[in-house]
Amino acid sequence: MNRIDILYEIYHRAGCRGFITLYQLETETGLSGSALRSLLEDLKSELLIYEHPEGFQVSSEGMHYCKTRWI
């Protein structure tokens, strides 16, 4: 699984306004939290996702990317 697959999971599960927790991502992807963390940090540095206390959310820039790729 790569960072784009992780972005897809966040986009698909959380939508444009929701959040997905690290635990939910672990369950959905089968990856450990430490394996996910490096991929999530890459997505954050590219400004495609935000991290909140509630979980992870796709950013506005990320929404544009997701919509051009998967819709």
Protein backbone atom coordinates (compact mmCIF):
# COMPACT_ATOMS: atom_id res chain seq x y z
CA MET A 1 0.00 0.00 0.00
CA ASN A 2 1.30 3.45 -0.87
CA ARG A 3 0.41 6.99 0.17
CA ILE A 4 -2.17 7.38 -2.63
CA ASP A 5 -3.96 4.25 -1.40
CA ILE A 6 -4.04 5.77 2.10
CA LEU A 7 -5.40 9.04 0.70
CA TYR A 8 -8.11 7.06 -1.10
CA GLU A 9 -9.09 5.33 2.16
CA ILE A 10 -9.36 8.64 3.98
CA TYR A 11 -11.31 10.20 1.10
CA HIS A 12 -13.62 7.20 0.73
CA ARG A 13 -14.29 6.68 4.45
CA ALA A 14 -14.33 10.27 5.73
CA GLY A 15 -15.64 12.17 2.73
CA CYS A 16 -15.20 15.91 2.52
CA ARG A 17 -16.29 16.79 6.05
CA GLY A 18 -15.64 13.74 8.18
CA PHE A 19 -12.66 12.30 9.99
CA ILE A 20 -11.05 8.89 10.17
CA THR A 21 -8.96 7.85 13.15
CA LEU A 22 -5.60 6.12 13.04
CA TYR A 23 -7.24 3.04 14.56
CA GLN A 24 -9.84 2.97 11.76
CA LEU A 25 -7.07 3.27 9.17
CA GLU A 26 -5.20 0.40 10.81
CA THR A 27 -8.36 -1.71 10.63
CA GLU A 28 -9.15 -0.77 7.03
CA THR A 29 -5.63 -1.16 5.64
CA GLY A 30 -4.17 -3.89 7.83
CA LEU A 31 -1.05 -1.76 8.39
CA SER A 32 0.39 -0.90 11.78
CA GLY A 33 0.22 2.61 13.17
CA SER A 34 3.96 3.08 12.73
CA ALA A 35 3.78 2.03 9.06
CA LEU A 36 0.84 4.34 8.47
CA ARG A 37 2.43 7.27 10.27
CA SER A 38 5.20 7.73 7.71
CA LEU A 39 2.69 7.65 4.83
CA LEU A 40 0.39 10.07 6.66
CA GLU A 41 3.27 12.46 7.33
CA ASP A 42 4.08 12.46 3.61
CA LEU A 43 0.45 13.30 2.80
CA LYS A 44 0.48 16.06 5.42
CA SER A 45 3.68 17.56 4.02
CA GLU A 46 2.07 17.60 0.56
CA LEU A 47 -0.93 19.42 2.15
CA LEU A 48 -3.34 16.71 1.00
CA ILE A 49 -4.62 15.89 4.51
CA TYR A 50 -4.96 17.54 7.90
CA GLU A 51 -4.54 15.92 11.29
CA HIS A 52 -6.99 16.92 14.00
CA PRO A 53 -7.59 15.51 17.49
CA GLU A 54 -10.67 13.80 15.96
CA GLY A 55 -8.59 12.10 13.26
CA PHE A 56 -7.47 12.71 9.70
CA GLN A 57 -9.34 14.74 7.11
CA VAL A 58 -8.76 15.46 3.43
CA SER A 59 -7.73 19.10 2.86
CA SER A 60 -9.19 21.37 0.19
CA GLU A 61 -6.17 20.71 -2.01
CA GLY A 62 -6.56 17.01 -1.34
CA MET A 63 -10.24 17.15 -2.32
CA HIS A 64 -9.31 18.67 -5.68
CA TYR A 65 -6.73 15.94 -6.19
CA CYS A 66 -9.16 13.17 -5.19
CA LYS A 67 -11.99 14.48 -7.36
CA THR A 68 -9.79 14.68 -10.44
CA ARG A 69 -8.45 11.20 -9.83
CA TRP A 70 -11.46 9.18 -8.61
CA ILE A 71 -14.63 10.93 -9.76
